[in-house]
């Protein structure tokens, strides 16, 4: 939450904690991320020896690509709705109980699961997503969604009561820049809500096993 005492501690990593040859961890900022393995496409999977965070480096980013192009929207929503609506409901419930108020911007809103739950909770939701397929489907269901990339597209607003990222931050190349813009566009006392995948989850473990089993022919984590 913005305002009041800051919730993030930052500072220089003591020299004794530095590891020669290691890279800066995106999660804890310690220079302790080392190569765990290299994927078939040339991407590097790093693991931080300090906090255990894993991240993918050197992956090709295609901002113009439609992630859901060619996907049957109805079938996809039926398959994903139970998990997505459950996660969205938990996020919105936490926000409401903490006193959050709209308007709410969901960055990378996909087909609009969080927007629907936030709308029912009275949080005046808006969404932005790069996928034209997902945006078209969300709009057809009466949701306020624009196609584009945050922060270039943010509905022309600079003071949001809530900004949410639901399994989105791991897809962003320049994380520091985007989060800096996010904080600057929150209203005083506004909320930032984030959901990210974990390596202990079933999806990650299945993807990792598939990548290893196929010798990199199938997409890994």
C-alpha atoms as a PDB file:
ATOM      1  CA  UNK A   1       0.000   0.000   0.000  1.00  0.00           C
ATOM      2  CA  UNK A   2       1.279   3.463  -0.824  1.00  0.00           C
ATOM      3  CA  UNK A   3       1.478   6.229   1.759  1.00  0.00           C
ATOM      4  CA  UNK A   4       2.612   5.926   5.361  1.00  0.00           C
ATOM      5  CA  UNK A   5       5.636   3.785   6.080  1.00  0.00           C
ATOM      6  CA  UNK A   6       7.218   2.141   3.030  1.00  0.00           C
ATOM      7  CA  UNK A   7       6.766  -1.591   2.773  1.00  0.00           C
ATOM      8  CA  UNK A   8       9.964  -2.374   0.883  1.00  0.00           C
ATOM      9  CA  UNK A   9      13.458  -2.346   2.318  1.00  0.00           C
ATOM     10  CA  UNK A  10      16.217  -1.377  -0.088  1.00  0.00           C
ATOM     11  CA  UNK A  11      19.916  -0.761   0.241  1.00  0.00           C
ATOM     12  CA  UNK A  12      23.401  -1.807  -0.757  1.00  0.00           C
ATOM     13  CA  UNK A  13      24.184  -5.507  -0.391  1.00  0.00           C
ATOM     14  CA  UNK A  14      27.098  -5.968   2.043  1.00  0.00           C
ATOM     15  CA  UNK A  15      30.323  -7.042   0.357  1.00  0.00           C
ATOM     16  CA  UNK A  16      30.431 -10.285   2.332  1.00  0.00           C
ATOM     17  CA  UNK A  17      27.121 -11.348   0.789  1.00  0.00           C
ATOM     18  CA  UNK A  18      28.260 -10.821  -2.796  1.00  0.00           C
ATOM     19  CA  UNK A  19      29.093 -13.880  -4.876  1.00  0.00           C
ATOM     20  CA  UNK A  20      31.717 -13.476  -7.618  1.00  0.00           C
ATOM     21  CA  UNK A  21      30.284 -14.161 -11.061  1.00  0.00           C
ATOM     22  CA  UNK A  22      26.676 -14.171  -9.859  1.00  0.00           C
ATOM     23  CA  UNK A  23      23.954 -11.908 -11.253  1.00  0.00           C
ATOM     24  CA  UNK A  24      21.545  -9.632  -9.406  1.00  0.00           C
ATOM     25  CA  UNK A  25      18.397 -11.383  -8.228  1.00  0.00           C
ATOM     26  CA  UNK A  26      15.197  -9.684  -9.399  1.00  0.00           C
ATOM     27  CA  UNK A  27      13.434 -10.599  -6.158  1.00  0.00           C
ATOM     28  CA  UNK A  28      15.859  -9.810  -3.315  1.00  0.00           C
ATOM     29  CA  UNK A  29      18.450  -7.733  -5.255  1.00  0.00           C
ATOM     30  CA  UNK A  30      21.352  -9.792  -3.919  1.00  0.00           C
ATOM     31  CA  UNK A  31      24.091 -10.587  -6.468  1.00  0.00           C
ATOM     32  CA  UNK A  32      23.512 -14.291  -5.926  1.00  0.00           C
ATOM     33  CA  UNK A  33      21.634 -15.645  -8.992  1.00  0.00           C
ATOM     34  CA  UNK A  34      23.491 -18.397 -10.825  1.00  0.00           C
ATOM     35  CA  UNK A  35      22.747 -20.549 -13.854  1.00  0.00           C
ATOM     36  CA  UNK A  36      20.652 -23.605 -12.984  1.00  0.00           C
ATOM     37  CA  UNK A  37      20.265 -24.804 -16.554  1.00  0.00           C
ATOM     38  CA  UNK A  38      20.044 -23.532 -20.122  1.00  0.00           C
ATOM     39  CA  UNK A  39      16.879 -24.228 -22.112  1.00  0.00           C
ATOM     40  CA  UNK A  40      16.703 -25.332 -25.749  1.00  0.00           C
ATOM     41  CA  UNK A  41      15.856 -21.859 -27.025  1.00  0.00           C
ATOM     42  CA  UNK A  42      18.945 -20.341 -25.424  1.00  0.00           C
ATOM     43  CA  UNK A  43      17.125 -19.013 -22.359  1.00  0.00           C
ATOM     44  CA  UNK A  44      18.875 -19.274 -19.007  1.00  0.00           C
ATOM     45  CA  UNK A  45      17.090 -20.452 -15.875  1.00  0.00           C
ATOM     46  CA  UNK A  46      18.746 -18.820 -12.855  1.00  0.00           C
ATOM     47  CA  UNK A  47      18.316 -19.577  -9.182  1.00  0.00           C
ATOM     48  CA  UNK A  48      19.211 -17.222  -6.340  1.00  0.00           C
ATOM     49  CA  UNK A  49      21.216 -18.909  -3.589  1.00  0.00           C
ATOM     50  CA  UNK A  50      19.994 -16.294  -1.063  1.00  0.00           C
ATOM     51  CA  UNK A  51      16.213 -16.328  -1.441  1.00  0.00           C
ATOM     52  CA  UNK A  52      15.624 -19.305  -3.760  1.00  0.00           C
ATOM     53  CA  UNK A  53      13.952 -17.184  -6.471  1.00  0.00           C
ATOM     54  CA  UNK A  54      14.055 -18.661  -9.982  1.00  0.00           C
ATOM     55  CA  UNK A  55      13.859 -16.498 -13.083  1.00  0.00           C
ATOM     56  CA  UNK A  56      14.202 -16.894 -16.817  1.00  0.00           C
ATOM     57  CA  UNK A  57      16.753 -14.690 -18.582  1.00  0.00           C
ATOM     58  CA  UNK A  58      17.507 -14.044 -22.254  1.00  0.00           C
ATOM     59  CA  UNK A  59      14.033 -15.062 -23.372  1.00  0.00           C
ATOM     60  CA  UNK A  60      12.695 -13.577 -26.596  1.00  0.00           C
ATOM     61  CA  UNK A  61       9.958 -11.018 -25.972  1.00  0.00           C
ATOM     62  CA  UNK A  62       7.417 -10.491 -28.743  1.00  0.00           C
ATOM     63  CA  UNK A  63       5.130  -7.666 -27.577  1.00  0.00           C
ATOM     64  CA  UNK A  64       3.151  -7.743 -30.821  1.00  0.00           C
ATOM     65  CA  UNK A  65       2.222 -11.436 -30.502  1.00  0.00           C
ATOM     66  CA  UNK A  66      -1.361 -12.406 -29.607  1.00  0.00           C
ATOM     67  CA  UNK A  67      -0.986 -14.995 -26.852  1.00  0.00           C
ATOM     68  CA  UNK A  68      -4.545 -16.239 -27.403  1.00  0.00           C
ATOM     69  CA  UNK A  69      -4.650 -16.043 -31.194  1.00  0.00           C
ATOM     70  CA  UNK A  70      -6.359 -19.137 -32.587  1.00  0.00           C
ATOM     71  CA  UNK A  71      -7.721 -20.154 -29.171  1.00  0.00           C
ATOM     72  CA  UNK A  72     -11.445 -20.851 -28.790  1.00  0.00           C
ATOM     73  CA  UNK A  73     -12.407 -18.201 -26.183  1.00  0.00           C
ATOM     74  CA  UNK A  74     -15.403 -20.135 -24.889  1.00  0.00           C
ATOM     75  CA  UNK A  75     -13.516 -23.389 -24.444  1.00  0.00           C
ATOM     76  CA  UNK A  76     -10.547 -21.623 -22.853  1.00  0.00           C
ATOM     77  CA  UNK A  77     -12.721 -19.745 -20.379  1.00  0.00           C
ATOM     78  CA  UNK A  78     -14.583 -22.921 -19.402  1.00  0.00           C
ATOM     79  CA  UNK A  79     -11.298 -24.728 -18.772  1.00  0.00           C
ATOM     80  CA  UNK A  80      -9.617 -21.921 -16.836  1.00  0.00           C
ATOM     81  CA  UNK A  81     -12.541 -20.269 -15.042  1.00  0.00           C
ATOM     82  CA  UNK A  82     -12.579 -22.391 -11.860  1.00  0.00           C
ATOM     83  CA  UNK A  83      -8.932 -21.651 -11.019  1.00  0.00           C
ATOM     84  CA  UNK A  84      -8.913 -18.071 -12.298  1.00  0.00           C
ATOM     85  CA  UNK A  85     -12.139 -17.022 -10.609  1.00  0.00           C
ATOM     86  CA  UNK A  86     -10.997 -18.617  -7.344  1.00  0.00           C
ATOM     87  CA  UNK A  87      -7.730 -16.654  -7.421  1.00  0.00           C
ATOM     88  CA  UNK A  88      -9.475 -13.450  -8.433  1.00  0.00           C
ATOM     89  CA  UNK A  89     -12.063 -13.824  -5.672  1.00  0.00           C
ATOM     90  CA  UNK A  90      -9.329 -14.277  -3.055  1.00  0.00           C
ATOM     91  CA  UNK A  91      -7.443 -11.177  -4.276  1.00  0.00           C
ATOM     92  CA  UNK A  92     -10.550  -8.987  -4.356  1.00  0.00           C
ATOM     93  CA  UNK A  93     -11.722 -10.224  -0.945  1.00  0.00           C
ATOM     94  CA  UNK A  94      -8.348  -9.304   0.572  1.00  0.00           C
ATOM     95  CA  UNK A  95      -8.456  -5.867  -1.058  1.00  0.00           C
ATOM     96  CA  UNK A  96     -11.987  -5.126   0.152  1.00  0.00           C
ATOM     97  CA  UNK A  97     -11.213  -6.292   3.693  1.00  0.00           C
ATOM     98  CA  UNK A  98      -8.154  -3.995   3.716  1.00  0.00           C
ATOM     99  CA  UNK A  99     -10.317  -1.010   2.781  1.00  0.00           C
ATOM    100  CA  UNK A 100      -9.373  -0.668  -0.889  1.00  0.00           C
ATOM    101  CA  UNK A 101     -11.500   1.482  -3.165  1.00  0.00           C
ATOM    102  CA  UNK A 102     -11.649   1.887  -6.918  1.00  0.00           C
ATOM    103  CA  UNK A 103     -11.007   2.657  -9.595  1.00  0.00           C
ATOM    104  CA  UNK A 104      -9.071  -0.557 -10.190  1.00  0.00           C
ATOM    105  CA  UNK A 105      -6.739  -1.254 -13.108  1.00  0.00           C
ATOM    106  CA  UNK A 106      -5.974  -4.903 -13.899  1.00  0.00           C
ATOM    107  CA  UNK A 107      -2.793  -5.047 -15.981  1.00  0.00           C
ATOM    108  CA  UNK A 108      -2.735  -8.086 -18.268  1.00  0.00           C
ATOM    109  CA  UNK A 109      -6.408  -8.724 -17.557  1.00  0.00           C
ATOM    110  CA  UNK A 110      -6.707 -11.552 -20.114  1.00  0.00           C
ATOM    111  CA  UNK A 111     -10.363 -12.591 -20.447  1.00  0.00           C
ATOM    112  CA  UNK A 112     -11.411 -10.472 -17.464  1.00  0.00           C
ATOM    113  CA  UNK A 113     -11.885 -12.870 -14.566  1.00  0.00           C
ATOM    114  CA  UNK A 114     -10.624 -10.403 -11.971  1.00  0.00           C
ATOM    115  CA  UNK A 115     -12.574  -7.569 -13.598  1.00  0.00           C
ATOM    116  CA  UNK A 116     -15.840  -9.484 -13.182  1.00  0.00           C
ATOM    117  CA  UNK A 117     -15.193 -10.173  -9.506  1.00  0.00           C
ATOM    118  CA  UNK A 118     -14.029  -6.588  -8.874  1.00  0.00           C
ATOM    119  CA  UNK A 119     -17.109  -5.222 -10.617  1.00  0.00           C
ATOM    120  CA  UNK A 120     -19.385  -7.256  -8.373  1.00  0.00           C
ATOM    121  CA  UNK A 121     -17.483  -5.845  -5.386  1.00  0.00           C
ATOM    122  CA  UNK A 122     -18.011  -2.248  -6.551  1.00  0.00           C
ATOM    123  CA  UNK A 123     -14.350  -1.478  -7.301  1.00  0.00           C
ATOM    124  CA  UNK A 124     -15.003   0.215 -10.690  1.00  0.00           C
ATOM    125  CA  UNK A 125     -12.619  -2.002 -12.678  1.00  0.00           C
ATOM    126  CA  UNK A 126     -10.782  -1.314 -15.935  1.00  0.00           C
ATOM    127  CA  UNK A 127      -8.421  -3.619 -17.788  1.00  0.00           C
ATOM    128  CA  UNK A 128      -5.576  -3.547 -20.278  1.00  0.00           C
ATOM    129  CA  UNK A 129      -4.130  -6.505 -22.193  1.00  0.00           C
ATOM    130  CA  UNK A 130      -1.948  -6.893 -25.310  1.00  0.00           C
ATOM    131  CA  UNK A 131      -4.055  -9.756 -26.721  1.00  0.00           C
ATOM    132  CA  UNK A 132      -6.653  -8.550 -29.216  1.00  0.00           C
ATOM    133  CA  UNK A 133      -8.471 -11.904 -28.901  1.00  0.00           C
ATOM    134  CA  UNK A 134      -8.805 -11.651 -25.112  1.00  0.00           C
ATOM    135  CA  UNK A 135      -9.775  -7.969 -25.275  1.00  0.00           C
ATOM    136  CA  UNK A 136     -12.507  -8.635 -27.841  1.00  0.00           C
ATOM    137  CA  UNK A 137     -13.951 -11.449 -25.747  1.00  0.00           C
ATOM    138  CA  UNK A 138     -13.883  -9.398 -22.532  1.00  0.00           C
ATOM    139  CA  UNK A 139     -15.569  -6.448 -24.234  1.00  0.00           C
ATOM    140  CA  UNK A 140     -18.282  -8.717 -25.612  1.00  0.00           C
ATOM    141  CA  UNK A 141     -19.180  -9.523 -22.004  1.00  0.00           C
ATOM    142  CA  UNK A 142     -19.530  -5.833 -21.087  1.00  0.00           C
ATOM    143  CA  UNK A 143     -16.148  -5.341 -19.433  1.00  0.00           C
ATOM    144  CA  UNK A 144     -14.104  -2.139 -19.821  1.00  0.00           C
ATOM    145  CA  UNK A 145     -10.907  -3.322 -21.483  1.00  0.00           C
ATOM    146  CA  UNK A 146      -8.405  -1.717 -23.838  1.00  0.00           C
ATOM    147  CA  UNK A 147      -5.711  -3.365 -25.910  1.00  0.00           C
ATOM    148  CA  UNK A 148      -2.159  -2.269 -25.183  1.00  0.00           C
ATOM    149  CA  UNK A 149       0.758  -2.419 -22.792  1.00  0.00           C
ATOM    150  CA  UNK A 150       0.956  -0.667 -19.430  1.00  0.00           C
ATOM    151  CA  UNK A 151       2.148   2.017 -18.775  1.00  0.00           C
ATOM    152  CA  UNK A 152       1.668   3.298 -22.342  1.00  0.00           C
ATOM    153  CA  UNK A 153      -2.007   2.370 -22.079  1.00  0.00           C
ATOM    154  CA  UNK A 154      -3.595   3.194 -18.739  1.00  0.00           C
ATOM    155  CA  UNK A 155      -6.973   4.681 -19.684  1.00  0.00           C
ATOM    156  CA  UNK A 156      -5.522   8.182 -19.328  1.00  0.00           C
ATOM    157  CA  UNK A 157      -5.640   7.957 -15.542  1.00  0.00           C
ATOM    158  CA  UNK A 158      -2.797   8.644 -13.144  1.00  0.00           C
ATOM    159  CA  UNK A 159      -4.432   7.998  -9.758  1.00  0.00           C
ATOM    160  CA  UNK A 160      -5.731   4.471  -9.387  1.00  0.00           C
ATOM    161  CA  UNK A 161      -7.130   3.183  -6.124  1.00  0.00           C
ATOM    162  CA  UNK A 162      -5.883  -0.307  -6.977  1.00  0.00           C
ATOM    163  CA  UNK A 163      -3.540  -1.765  -9.604  1.00  0.00           C
ATOM    164  CA  UNK A 164      -3.421  -5.542  -9.959  1.00  0.00           C
ATOM    165  CA  UNK A 165      -1.075  -8.010 -11.659  1.00  0.00           C
ATOM    166  CA  UNK A 166      -2.459 -11.549 -11.800  1.00  0.00           C
ATOM    167  CA  UNK A 167       0.274 -13.869 -13.129  1.00  0.00           C
ATOM    168  CA  UNK A 168       1.684 -11.048 -15.264  1.00  0.00           C
ATOM    169  CA  UNK A 169       4.909  -9.715 -13.714  1.00  0.00           C
ATOM    170  CA  UNK A 170       6.862 -12.794 -14.803  1.00  0.00           C
ATOM    171  CA  UNK A 171       6.163 -11.838 -18.445  1.00  0.00           C
ATOM    172  CA  UNK A 172       7.588  -8.305 -18.153  1.00  0.00           C
ATOM    173  CA  UNK A 173      11.150  -7.694 -19.349  1.00  0.00           C
ATOM    174  CA  UNK A 174      11.914  -4.370 -17.603  1.00  0.00           C
ATOM    175  CA  UNK A 175      10.345  -5.114 -14.246  1.00  0.00           C
ATOM    176  CA  UNK A 176      11.931  -2.226 -12.338  1.00  0.00           C
ATOM    177  CA  UNK A 177      10.657   0.378 -14.819  1.00  0.00           C
ATOM    178  CA  UNK A 178       7.117  -1.006 -14.890  1.00  0.00           C
ATOM    179  CA  UNK A 179       6.839  -1.244 -11.104  1.00  0.00           C
ATOM    180  CA  UNK A 180       8.175   2.290 -10.739  1.00  0.00           C
ATOM    181  CA  UNK A 181       5.463   3.511 -13.116  1.00  0.00           C
ATOM    182  CA  UNK A 182       2.899   1.452 -11.228  1.00  0.00           C
ATOM    183  CA  UNK A 183       3.675   3.064  -7.887  1.00  0.00           C
ATOM    184  CA  UNK A 184       3.675   6.545  -9.427  1.00  0.00           C
ATOM    185  CA  UNK A 185       0.155   5.992 -10.803  1.00  0.00           C
ATOM    186  CA  UNK A 186      -1.416   4.872  -7.561  1.00  0.00           C
ATOM    187  CA  UNK A 187      -3.505   7.372  -5.618  1.00  0.00           C
ATOM    188  CA  UNK A 188      -2.306   8.218  -2.097  1.00  0.00           C
ATOM    189  CA  UNK A 189      -3.201   5.233   0.055  1.00  0.00           C
ATOM    190  CA  UNK A 190      -3.710   3.086  -3.051  1.00  0.00           C
ATOM    191  CA  UNK A 191      -3.107  -0.657  -3.231  1.00  0.00           C
ATOM    192  CA  UNK A 192      -0.876  -2.818  -5.414  1.00  0.00           C
ATOM    193  CA  UNK A 193      -1.987  -6.473  -5.590  1.00  0.00           C
ATOM    194  CA  UNK A 194       0.297  -9.102  -7.128  1.00  0.00           C
ATOM    195  CA  UNK A 195      -0.060 -12.806  -7.837  1.00  0.00           C
ATOM    196  CA  UNK A 196       2.924 -14.708  -9.245  1.00  0.00           C
ATOM    197  CA  UNK A 197       3.582 -18.408  -9.940  1.00  0.00           C
ATOM    198  CA  UNK A 198       5.584 -20.469  -7.464  1.00  0.00           C
ATOM    199  CA  UNK A 199       8.023 -23.287  -8.227  1.00  0.00           C
ATOM    200  CA  UNK A 200       6.205 -25.562  -5.766  1.00  0.00           C
ATOM    201  CA  UNK A 201       2.984 -25.306  -7.783  1.00  0.00           C
ATOM    202  CA  UNK A 202       1.620 -28.114  -9.953  1.00  0.00           C
ATOM    203  CA  UNK A 203       1.770 -26.097 -13.206  1.00  0.00           C
ATOM    204  CA  UNK A 204       5.452 -25.208 -12.770  1.00  0.00           C
ATOM    205  CA  UNK A 205       6.453 -28.739 -11.774  1.00  0.00           C
ATOM    206  CA  UNK A 206       4.546 -30.248 -14.715  1.00  0.00           C
ATOM    207  CA  UNK A 207       6.083 -27.781 -17.168  1.00  0.00           C
ATOM    208  CA  UNK A 208       9.580 -28.369 -15.804  1.00  0.00           C
ATOM    209  CA  UNK A 209       9.166 -32.139 -16.053  1.00  0.00           C
ATOM    210  CA  UNK A 210       7.846 -31.847 -19.607  1.00  0.00           C
ATOM    211  CA  UNK A 211      10.761 -29.645 -20.640  1.00  0.00           C
ATOM    212  CA  UNK A 212      13.304 -32.107 -19.246  1.00  0.00           C
ATOM    213  CA  UNK A 213      11.527 -35.193 -20.588  1.00  0.00           C
ATOM    214  CA  UNK A 214      11.305 -33.757 -24.099  1.00  0.00           C
ATOM    215  CA  UNK A 215      14.929 -32.528 -24.071  1.00  0.00           C
ATOM    216  CA  UNK A 216      13.706 -29.006 -24.618  1.00  0.00           C
ATOM    217  CA  UNK A 217      11.334 -29.717 -27.529  1.00  0.00           C
ATOM    218  CA  UNK A 218       8.362 -28.713 -25.364  1.00  0.00           C
ATOM    219  CA  UNK A 219       8.183 -25.398 -23.541  1.00  0.00           C
ATOM    220  CA  UNK A 220       9.573 -25.468 -20.036  1.00  0.00           C
ATOM    221  CA  UNK A 221       8.736 -23.316 -17.002  1.00  0.00           C
END
